[in-house]
Amino acid sequence: MQVVEREDNKIVKEVDTRGMFCPTPLIFVSKELKNIPVGKRLKALADDKAFKKDIKIWCHDTGNKLVSLEEKDGVITAVIERGKGWHGDTLFEKLRFYAIGVKLHLYDYFFRIFKSAGPKYIITFMSIPEGFRAIEFLEKRGITDFVTLPVPDEIYEFCGVVIGFKDKNRAVEIYNLLKENKFGVENIHIVDRNRKYPVLKDF
């Protein structure tokens, strides 16, 4: 993947994911979009045919704006403007979203006070719906040895969901399981005592 910094009609970054296949292009777009200001735009290039449909759904699910989408000579070009996150479309979705958010933030508050009780490793996702889909997948397989929390502000200042584990090997195992089953997992982050979240790269 190639990432180019630029400044062109609000486009500040370009991500070239040609040669990659679903869900990898979306994961890279998600990571890079989180590093630019709200209202600024990212240009993404892809040649995976699924990207054209996937990027539309992903933008809706993450509260980002798909400014343009075109295909020429087998290359799909998408321009995405960073939004303020997804909060649901219908009244039911909004109420459910905020109810879950309150519950997750209470867990987070508890773990910030009792740091030794909290997870040491957290897995992030490319969208809130993708995180909930992954959680449902794990629970159906009888995997429940994780805690669900809001994405920490140190990683992403808008709403999101992560799953946390005490054990590094278990976090890596679940990350790989989700990745193998085509879930949009982004990274594993290490939780340290100063509430910083460096990315775990050694897996």
C-alpha atoms as a PDB file:
ATOM      1  CA  MET A   1       0.000   0.000   0.000  1.00  0.00           C
ATOM      2  CA  GLN A   2       1.211   3.501  -0.803  1.00  0.00           C
ATOM      3  CA  VAL A   3       0.136   6.587   1.150  1.00  0.00           C
ATOM      4  CA  VAL A   4       0.786  10.059  -0.303  1.00  0.00           C
ATOM      5  CA  GLU A   5       0.332  13.329   1.581  1.00  0.00           C
ATOM      6  CA  ARG A   6      -1.214  16.024  -0.615  1.00  0.00           C
ATOM      7  CA  GLU A   7      -3.349  19.177  -0.624  1.00  0.00           C
ATOM      8  CA  ASP A   8      -5.773  19.401  -3.537  1.00  0.00           C
ATOM      9  CA  ASN A   9      -9.367  20.684  -3.199  1.00  0.00           C
ATOM     10  CA  LYS A  10      -9.538  19.502   0.454  1.00  0.00           C
ATOM     11  CA  ILE A  11      -7.859  16.184  -0.432  1.00  0.00           C
ATOM     12  CA  VAL A  12      -4.986  15.825   2.025  1.00  0.00           C
ATOM     13  CA  LYS A  13      -4.065  12.169   1.582  1.00  0.00           C
ATOM     14  CA  GLU A  14      -4.080   9.530  -1.146  1.00  0.00           C
ATOM     15  CA  VAL A  15      -4.145   5.786  -0.439  1.00  0.00           C
ATOM     16  CA  ASP A  16      -3.269   3.287  -3.170  1.00  0.00           C
ATOM     17  CA  THR A  17      -4.588  -0.193  -2.344  1.00  0.00           C
ATOM     18  CA  ARG A  18      -4.304  -1.690  -5.827  1.00  0.00           C
ATOM     19  CA  GLY A  19      -3.431  -5.375  -5.647  1.00  0.00           C
ATOM     20  CA  MET A  20      -5.251  -5.843  -2.322  1.00  0.00           C
ATOM     21  CA  PHE A  21      -8.519  -7.670  -1.744  1.00  0.00           C
ATOM     22  CA  CYS A  22     -11.531  -7.266   0.576  1.00  0.00           C
ATOM     23  CA  PRO A  23     -11.523  -6.266   3.386  1.00  0.00           C
ATOM     24  CA  THR A  24      -7.893  -5.011   3.304  1.00  0.00           C
ATOM     25  CA  PRO A  25      -8.527  -1.871   1.164  1.00  0.00           C
ATOM     26  CA  LEU A  26     -11.269  -0.697   3.555  1.00  0.00           C
ATOM     27  CA  ILE A  27      -9.064  -1.325   6.579  1.00  0.00           C
ATOM     28  CA  PHE A  28      -6.303   0.866   5.168  1.00  0.00           C
ATOM     29  CA  VAL A  29      -8.805   3.568   4.183  1.00  0.00           C
ATOM     30  CA  SER A  30     -10.239   3.477   7.719  1.00  0.00           C
ATOM     31  CA  LYS A  31      -6.809   3.780   9.363  1.00  0.00           C
ATOM     32  CA  GLU A  32      -5.670   6.678   7.199  1.00  0.00           C
ATOM     33  CA  LEU A  33      -8.980   8.588   7.301  1.00  0.00           C
ATOM     34  CA  LYS A  34      -8.800   8.679  11.111  1.00  0.00           C
ATOM     35  CA  ASN A  35      -5.524  10.589  10.814  1.00  0.00           C
ATOM     36  CA  ILE A  36      -6.975  13.562   8.934  1.00  0.00           C
ATOM     37  CA  PRO A  37      -9.226  16.394  10.251  1.00  0.00           C
ATOM     38  CA  VAL A  38     -13.019  16.358   9.979  1.00  0.00           C
ATOM     39  CA  GLY A  39     -14.083  17.946   6.701  1.00  0.00           C
ATOM     40  CA  LYS A  40     -10.881  17.005   4.879  1.00  0.00           C
ATOM     41  CA  ARG A  41     -10.809  14.357   2.186  1.00  0.00           C
ATOM     42  CA  LEU A  42      -8.961  11.195   1.305  1.00  0.00           C
ATOM     43  CA  LYS A  43      -8.572   9.763  -2.185  1.00  0.00           C
ATOM     44  CA  ALA A  44      -8.479   5.965  -2.416  1.00  0.00           C
ATOM     45  CA  LEU A  45      -7.439   3.842  -5.400  1.00  0.00           C
ATOM     46  CA  ALA A  46      -8.405   0.173  -5.670  1.00  0.00           C
ATOM     47  CA  ASP A  47      -8.723  -2.550  -8.302  1.00  0.00           C
ATOM     48  CA  ASP A  48     -10.730  -5.056  -6.249  1.00  0.00           C
ATOM     49  CA  LYS A  49     -14.196  -5.127  -7.829  1.00  0.00           C
ATOM     50  CA  ALA A  50     -15.852  -5.538  -4.415  1.00  0.00           C
ATOM     51  CA  PHE A  51     -14.451  -2.169  -3.311  1.00  0.00           C
ATOM     52  CA  LYS A  52     -17.000  -0.225  -5.346  1.00  0.00           C
ATOM     53  CA  LYS A  53     -19.915  -1.626  -3.354  1.00  0.00           C
ATOM     54  CA  ASP A  54     -18.063  -1.989  -0.058  1.00  0.00           C
ATOM     55  CA  ILE A  55     -16.924   1.635   0.130  1.00  0.00           C
ATOM     56  CA  LYS A  56     -20.544   2.862  -0.159  1.00  0.00           C
ATOM     57  CA  ILE A  57     -21.667   0.650   2.728  1.00  0.00           C
ATOM     58  CA  TRP A  58     -18.588   1.484   4.794  1.00  0.00           C
ATOM     59  CA  CYS A  59     -19.076   5.253   4.419  1.00  0.00           C
ATOM     60  CA  HIS A  60     -22.685   4.899   5.592  1.00  0.00           C
ATOM     61  CA  ASP A  61     -21.677   2.676   8.516  1.00  0.00           C
ATOM     62  CA  THR A  62     -18.949   5.049   9.698  1.00  0.00           C
ATOM     63  CA  GLY A  63     -20.644   8.418   9.194  1.00  0.00           C
ATOM     64  CA  ASN A  64     -18.189   9.508   6.504  1.00  0.00           C
ATOM     65  CA  LYS A  65     -19.217  11.117   3.194  1.00  0.00           C
ATOM     66  CA  LEU A  66     -18.544   9.458  -0.150  1.00  0.00           C
ATOM     67  CA  VAL A  67     -17.916  12.538  -2.309  1.00  0.00           C
ATOM     68  CA  SER A  68     -17.255  10.726  -5.588  1.00  0.00           C
ATOM     69  CA  LEU A  69     -16.820   7.195  -6.907  1.00  0.00           C
ATOM     70  CA  GLU A  70     -15.726   6.278 -10.416  1.00  0.00           C
ATOM     71  CA  GLU A  71     -14.099   3.403 -12.292  1.00  0.00           C
ATOM     72  CA  LYS A  72     -11.770   3.744 -15.261  1.00  0.00           C
ATOM     73  CA  ASP A  73      -9.559   1.105 -16.893  1.00  0.00           C
ATOM     74  CA  GLY A  74     -10.172  -1.279 -14.000  1.00  0.00           C
ATOM     75  CA  VAL A  75      -9.143   1.253 -11.327  1.00  0.00           C
ATOM     76  CA  ILE A  76     -11.758   2.438  -8.820  1.00  0.00           C
ATOM     77  CA  THR A  77     -11.236   5.934  -7.425  1.00  0.00           C
ATOM     78  CA  ALA A  78     -13.134   7.065  -4.339  1.00  0.00           C
ATOM     79  CA  VAL A  79     -12.976  10.430  -2.597  1.00  0.00           C
ATOM     80  CA  ILE A  80     -14.133  10.281   1.028  1.00  0.00           C
ATOM     81  CA  GLU A  81     -14.682  13.237   3.339  1.00  0.00           C
ATOM     82  CA  ARG A  82     -14.144  12.541   7.016  1.00  0.00           C
ATOM     83  CA  GLY A  83     -17.329  12.924   9.040  1.00  0.00           C
ATOM     84  CA  LYS A  84     -18.118  12.894  12.749  1.00  0.00           C
ATOM     85  CA  GLY A  85     -18.985   9.224  13.094  1.00  0.00           C
ATOM     86  CA  TRP A  86     -22.081   7.034  12.850  1.00  0.00           C
ATOM     87  CA  HIS A  87     -24.982   7.483  15.287  1.00  0.00           C
ATOM     88  CA  GLY A  88     -27.733   5.453  13.624  1.00  0.00           C
ATOM     89  CA  ASP A  89     -30.331   6.293  10.998  1.00  0.00           C
ATOM     90  CA  THR A  90     -33.708   5.359  12.486  1.00  0.00           C
ATOM     91  CA  LEU A  91     -34.960   6.387  15.936  1.00  0.00           C
ATOM     92  CA  PHE A  92     -34.587   2.773  17.117  1.00  0.00           C
ATOM     93  CA  GLU A  93     -30.974   2.641  15.904  1.00  0.00           C
ATOM     94  CA  LYS A  94     -30.181   5.948  17.611  1.00  0.00           C
ATOM     95  CA  LEU A  95     -31.729   4.844  20.936  1.00  0.00           C
ATOM     96  CA  ARG A  96     -29.956   1.481  20.783  1.00  0.00           C
ATOM     97  CA  PHE A  97     -26.683   3.188  19.884  1.00  0.00           C
ATOM     98  CA  TYR A  98     -26.821   5.588  22.840  1.00  0.00           C
ATOM     99  CA  ALA A  99     -28.004   2.882  25.267  1.00  0.00           C
ATOM    100  CA  ILE A 100     -25.074   0.663  24.316  1.00  0.00           C
ATOM    101  CA  GLY A 101     -22.768   3.669  24.498  1.00  0.00           C
ATOM    102  CA  VAL A 102     -23.796   4.433  28.090  1.00  0.00           C
ATOM    103  CA  LYS A 103     -23.202   0.808  29.108  1.00  0.00           C
ATOM    104  CA  LEU A 104     -19.799   0.658  27.433  1.00  0.00           C
ATOM    105  CA  HIS A 105     -18.672   3.953  28.942  1.00  0.00           C
ATOM    106  CA  LEU A 106     -19.605   2.715  32.416  1.00  0.00           C
ATOM    107  CA  TYR A 107     -17.347  -0.297  31.858  1.00  0.00           C
ATOM    108  CA  ASP A 108     -14.595   2.000  30.616  1.00  0.00           C
ATOM    109  CA  TYR A 109     -14.965   4.277  33.642  1.00  0.00           C
ATOM    110  CA  PHE A 110     -14.652   1.267  35.957  1.00  0.00           C
ATOM    111  CA  PHE A 111     -11.488   0.052  34.233  1.00  0.00           C
ATOM    112  CA  ARG A 112      -9.915   3.502  34.316  1.00  0.00           C
ATOM    113  CA  ILE A 113     -10.336   3.528  38.110  1.00  0.00           C
ATOM    114  CA  PHE A 114      -9.369  -0.110  38.662  1.00  0.00           C
ATOM    115  CA  LYS A 115      -6.620  -0.347  36.057  1.00  0.00           C
ATOM    116  CA  SER A 116      -5.491  -3.825  37.066  1.00  0.00           C
ATOM    117  CA  ALA A 117      -8.966  -5.166  36.223  1.00  0.00           C
ATOM    118  CA  GLY A 118      -8.952  -3.806  32.691  1.00  0.00           C
ATOM    119  CA  PRO A 119      -7.813  -5.451  29.452  1.00  0.00           C
ATOM    120  CA  LYS A 120      -4.154  -5.214  28.440  1.00  0.00           C
ATOM    121  CA  TYR A 121      -4.760  -5.620  24.698  1.00  0.00           C
ATOM    122  CA  ILE A 122      -7.601  -4.232  22.596  1.00  0.00           C
ATOM    123  CA  ILE A 123      -8.703  -4.965  19.040  1.00  0.00           C
ATOM    124  CA  THR A 124     -10.080  -2.100  16.940  1.00  0.00           C
ATOM    125  CA  PHE A 125     -12.478  -2.330  13.977  1.00  0.00           C
ATOM    126  CA  MET A 126     -13.032  -0.283  10.844  1.00  0.00           C
ATOM    127  CA  SER A 127     -16.618   0.606  11.853  1.00  0.00           C
ATOM    128  CA  ILE A 128     -19.094   0.290  14.727  1.00  0.00           C
ATOM    129  CA  PRO A 129     -21.419  -2.142  12.862  1.00  0.00           C
ATOM    130  CA  GLU A 130     -18.379  -4.256  11.918  1.00  0.00           C
ATOM    131  CA  GLY A 131     -17.348  -4.398  15.578  1.00  0.00           C
ATOM    132  CA  PHE A 132     -20.817  -5.515  16.691  1.00  0.00           C
ATOM    133  CA  ARG A 133     -20.943  -8.070  13.869  1.00  0.00           C
ATOM    134  CA  ALA A 134     -17.604  -9.507  15.025  1.00  0.00           C
ATOM    135  CA  ILE A 135     -18.786  -9.640  18.639  1.00  0.00           C
ATOM    136  CA  GLU A 136     -21.925 -11.534  17.590  1.00  0.00           C
ATOM    137  CA  PHE A 137     -19.760 -13.933  15.552  1.00  0.00           C
ATOM    138  CA  LEU A 138     -17.502 -14.636  18.546  1.00  0.00           C
ATOM    139  CA  GLU A 139     -20.387 -15.132  20.962  1.00  0.00           C
ATOM    140  CA  LYS A 140     -22.082 -17.591  18.597  1.00  0.00           C
ATOM    141  CA  ARG A 141     -18.859 -19.603  18.664  1.00  0.00           C
ATOM    142  CA  GLY A 142     -18.899 -19.603  22.467  1.00  0.00           C
ATOM    143  CA  ILE A 143     -16.019 -17.107  22.740  1.00  0.00           C
ATOM    144  CA  THR A 144     -16.818 -14.767  25.626  1.00  0.00           C
ATOM    145  CA  ASP A 145     -13.449 -14.154  27.332  1.00  0.00           C
ATOM    146  CA  PHE A 146     -13.295 -10.536  26.184  1.00  0.00           C
ATOM    147  CA  VAL A 147     -14.748  -7.234  27.315  1.00  0.00           C
ATOM    148  CA  THR A 148     -16.496  -4.774  24.984  1.00  0.00           C
ATOM    149  CA  LEU A 149     -15.561  -1.103  25.418  1.00  0.00           C
ATOM    150  CA  PRO A 150     -15.864   2.226  23.596  1.00  0.00           C
ATOM    151  CA  VAL A 151     -12.876   3.058  21.425  1.00  0.00           C
ATOM    152  CA  PRO A 152     -10.420   5.093  23.567  1.00  0.00           C
ATOM    153  CA  ASP A 153     -10.047   8.789  22.745  1.00  0.00           C
ATOM    154  CA  GLU A 154      -6.309   8.188  22.400  1.00  0.00           C
ATOM    155  CA  ILE A 155      -7.059   6.115  19.290  1.00  0.00           C
ATOM    156  CA  TYR A 156     -10.147   7.804  17.820  1.00  0.00           C
ATOM    157  CA  GLU A 157     -12.008  10.786  19.234  1.00  0.00           C
ATOM    158  CA  PHE A 158     -15.436   9.774  17.921  1.00  0.00           C
ATOM    159  CA  CYS A 159     -17.636   6.834  18.895  1.00  0.00           C
ATOM    160  CA  GLY A 160     -16.473   3.327  18.191  1.00  0.00           C
ATOM    161  CA  VAL A 161     -16.252  -0.116  19.748  1.00  0.00           C
ATOM    162  CA  VAL A 162     -13.285  -2.322  20.704  1.00  0.00           C
ATOM    163  CA  ILE A 163     -12.862  -5.699  22.382  1.00  0.00           C
ATOM    164  CA  GLY A 164     -10.270  -6.231  25.091  1.00  0.00           C
ATOM    165  CA  PHE A 165      -8.247  -9.180  26.371  1.00  0.00           C
ATOM    166  CA  LYS A 166      -5.963  -9.778  29.347  1.00  0.00           C
ATOM    167  CA  ASP A 167      -3.632 -12.102  27.457  1.00  0.00           C
ATOM    168  CA  LYS A 168      -1.551 -11.071  24.437  1.00  0.00           C
ATOM    169  CA  ASN A 169      -1.597 -14.504  22.804  1.00  0.00           C
ATOM    170  CA  ARG A 170      -5.384 -14.687  23.137  1.00  0.00           C
ATOM    171  CA  ALA A 171      -5.765 -11.223  21.577  1.00  0.00           C
ATOM    172  CA  VAL A 172      -3.566 -12.245  18.645  1.00  0.00           C
ATOM    173  CA  GLU A 173      -5.469 -15.538  18.267  1.00  0.00           C
ATOM    174  CA  ILE A 174      -8.861 -13.784  18.115  1.00  0.00           C
ATOM    175  CA  TYR A 175      -7.504 -11.048  15.823  1.00  0.00           C
ATOM    176  CA  ASN A 176      -6.295 -13.712  13.377  1.00  0.00           C
ATOM    177  CA  LEU A 177      -9.579 -15.638  13.661  1.00  0.00           C
ATOM    178  CA  LEU A 178     -11.572 -12.524  12.779  1.00  0.00           C
ATOM    179  CA  LYS A 179      -9.181 -11.615   9.975  1.00  0.00           C
ATOM    180  CA  GLU A 180      -9.400 -15.125   8.497  1.00  0.00           C
ATOM    181  CA  ASN A 181     -13.199 -14.815   8.512  1.00  0.00           C
ATOM    182  CA  LYS A 182     -13.036 -11.502   6.608  1.00  0.00           C
ATOM    183  CA  PHE A 183     -13.939  -9.160   9.469  1.00  0.00           C
ATOM    184  CA  GLY A 184     -12.648  -5.595   9.284  1.00  0.00           C
ATOM    185  CA  VAL A 185     -10.188  -5.694  12.167  1.00  0.00           C
ATOM    186  CA  GLU A 186      -7.700  -2.819  12.171  1.00  0.00           C
ATOM    187  CA  ASN A 187      -5.081  -3.303  14.878  1.00  0.00           C
ATOM    188  CA  ILE A 188      -4.213  -4.693  18.276  1.00  0.00           C
ATOM    189  CA  HIS A 189      -3.242  -1.959  20.751  1.00  0.00           C
ATOM    190  CA  ILE A 190      -1.348  -2.378  24.003  1.00  0.00           C
ATOM    191  CA  VAL A 191      -2.933  -0.613  26.984  1.00  0.00           C
ATOM    192  CA  ASP A 192      -0.271   0.850  29.272  1.00  0.00           C
ATOM    193  CA  ARG A 193      -0.542   2.501  32.695  1.00  0.00           C
ATOM    194  CA  ASN A 194      -0.526   5.995  31.209  1.00  0.00           C
ATOM    195  CA  ARG A 195      -3.676   5.227  29.131  1.00  0.00           C
ATOM    196  CA  LYS A 196      -1.704   5.350  25.898  1.00  0.00           C
ATOM    197  CA  TYR A 197      -2.339   2.795  23.200  1.00  0.00           C
ATOM    198  CA  PRO A 198       0.723   1.897  21.126  1.00  0.00           C
ATOM    199  CA  VAL A 199      -0.014  -0.494  18.261  1.00  0.00           C
ATOM    200  CA  LEU A 200       1.129  -4.069  18.738  1.00  0.00           C
ATOM    201  CA  LYS A 201       3.103  -4.900  15.594  1.00  0.00           C
ATOM    202  CA  ASP A 202       4.891  -8.137  16.470  1.00  0.00           C
ATOM    203  CA  PHE A 203       2.369 -10.683  15.178  1.00  0.00           C
END
